[in-house]
Protein backbone atom coordinates (compact mmCIF):
# COMPACT_ATOMS: atom_id res chain seq x y z
CA MET A 1 4.53 13.47 8.48
CA LEU A 2 2.72 17.28 7.44
CA TYR A 3 -1.05 17.62 5.73
CA ASP A 4 -2.54 14.86 4.29
CA ARG A 5 0.43 12.40 3.74
CA VAL A 6 0.41 9.12 3.75
CA MET A 7 4.33 7.45 4.51
CA VAL A 8 3.24 3.62 3.55
CA ARG A 9 5.78 0.35 3.19
CA ILE A 10 4.68 -1.84 0.79
CA SER A 11 3.85 -5.59 2.09
CA PRO A 12 6.20 -8.07 1.49
CA GLU A 13 4.15 -10.65 0.16
CA ASP A 14 3.55 -8.05 -2.98
CA GLY A 15 7.13 -9.32 -4.43
CA GLU A 16 7.47 -12.28 -6.29
CA ARG A 17 4.37 -13.95 -7.03
CA ARG A 18 3.28 -17.71 -8.93
CA SER A 19 0.72 -18.24 -11.36
CA SER A 20 -1.68 -20.74 -11.31
CA GLY A 21 -0.30 -23.51 -13.10
CA GLY A 22 2.45 -22.99 -10.17
CA ILE A 23 4.98 -20.60 -12.58
CA VAL A 24 7.29 -18.09 -10.49
CA ILE A 25 6.37 -14.30 -11.67
CA PRO A 26 9.14 -12.07 -10.21
CA ALA A 27 8.39 -8.94 -8.99
CA THR A 28 10.45 -7.15 -12.06
CA ALA A 29 8.05 -8.56 -14.31
CA GLN A 30 6.38 -5.92 -16.47
CA MET A 31 2.95 -6.73 -16.68
CA ALA A 32 -0.25 -4.46 -16.64
CA LYS A 33 -0.32 -1.64 -14.31
CA ARG A 34 -0.49 -3.02 -10.98
CA LEU A 35 -1.46 -2.18 -7.65
CA ALA A 36 -0.01 -3.45 -4.42
CA TRP A 37 -1.02 -3.46 -0.40
CA GLY A 38 0.95 -1.20 2.09
CA GLU A 39 0.99 -1.19 5.59
CA VAL A 40 0.59 3.16 7.30
CA PHE A 41 3.68 3.56 9.42
CA GLY A 42 2.91 7.57 9.29
CA VAL A 43 0.27 10.48 8.69
CA GLY A 44 -0.15 13.39 8.51
CA THR A 45 -2.03 16.12 10.54
CA GLY A 46 -4.88 16.61 7.90
CA VAL A 47 -5.18 12.52 6.79
CA ARG A 48 -8.84 11.53 7.76
CA GLN A 49 -9.63 8.28 6.83
CA VAL A 50 -6.66 6.21 7.81
CA LYS A 51 -4.23 5.38 10.80
CA VAL A 52 -0.74 4.02 11.70
CA GLY A 53 -0.92 0.28 11.05
CA ASP A 54 -4.46 0.25 8.64
CA ARG A 55 -3.39 -1.95 5.31
CA VAL A 56 -4.01 0.29 2.41
CA LEU A 57 -3.82 -0.21 -1.75
CA PHE A 58 -2.70 2.46 -3.75
CA ASN A 59 -0.50 2.37 -6.95
CA PRO A 60 3.10 2.31 -6.26
CA GLU A 61 4.32 3.47 -9.64
CA ASP A 62 3.46 7.51 -8.97
CA GLN A 63 5.10 7.62 -5.34
CA LEU A 64 7.91 9.42 -3.97
CA GLU A 65 10.18 6.77 -2.10
CA VAL A 66 11.99 8.12 0.74
CA GLU A 67 14.79 5.69 3.63
CA VAL A 68 14.82 5.92 6.64
CA HIS A 69 17.14 3.86 8.96
CA GLY A 70 17.47 1.84 6.32
CA THR A 71 14.11 0.40 5.67
CA THR A 72 12.51 2.03 2.30
CA TYR A 73 8.27 3.93 2.25
CA LEU A 74 6.34 5.50 0.27
CA VAL A 75 5.47 8.83 0.78
CA MET A 76 1.71 9.61 -1.06
CA ARG A 77 -1.20 11.68 -0.54
CA GLU A 78 -4.19 10.83 1.51
CA ARG A 79 -6.67 10.87 -1.93
CA ASP A 80 -3.64 8.51 -3.67
CA LEU A 81 -5.19 5.86 -1.55
CA HIS A 82 -7.63 3.35 -3.15
CA ALA A 83 -8.60 1.58 -0.57
CA VAL A 84 -8.32 0.25 3.26
CA ALA A 85 -8.69 -3.08 4.80
CA THR A 86 -10.38 -3.91 7.59
CA GLU A 87 -10.23 -6.82 9.97
CA LEU A 88 -13.97 -7.16 10.50
CA THR A 89 -15.88 -8.77 7.38
CA GLU A 90 -19.02 -9.15 8.83
CA HIS A 91 -20.21 -7.20 5.21
CA GLY A 92 -18.58 -6.96 1.71
CA THR A 93 -15.29 -7.67 1.01
CA GLY A 94 -13.34 -6.88 4.15
CA LEU A 95 -12.11 -3.28 1.71
CA TYR A 96 -13.94 -0.05 2.10
CA LEU A 97 -13.06 2.59 -0.25
C-alpha cells in the first residue's frame, strides 16, 4: 500500500442481519446509508492512526474494490475511516474517533 491508503476487508457479520422481531434482513436490502465494520489488512507508509489487524468503521459505498487471491478488499484513504475499535474498554464505548 502507498501513502495514506488503507486496505480493509468487510467483516462477514455485516451481511445478513436480523431485526428485533426476528425477521431476516438480507445484505442486499436498501435502507438508509449504513456504515460497516472491517479489518485492516494493509496500510501505506503515511498512515498514522491505524495498523494491520485493527477493526475500523467506514462507509463501504464510497470505496474502491480490489480482489487479491480470490478475496475482495476495499481500498480507501485513512481520512475516510470514521472510528477504530479497541479491545480496551476501561472508559467510553470502546471506540476512538
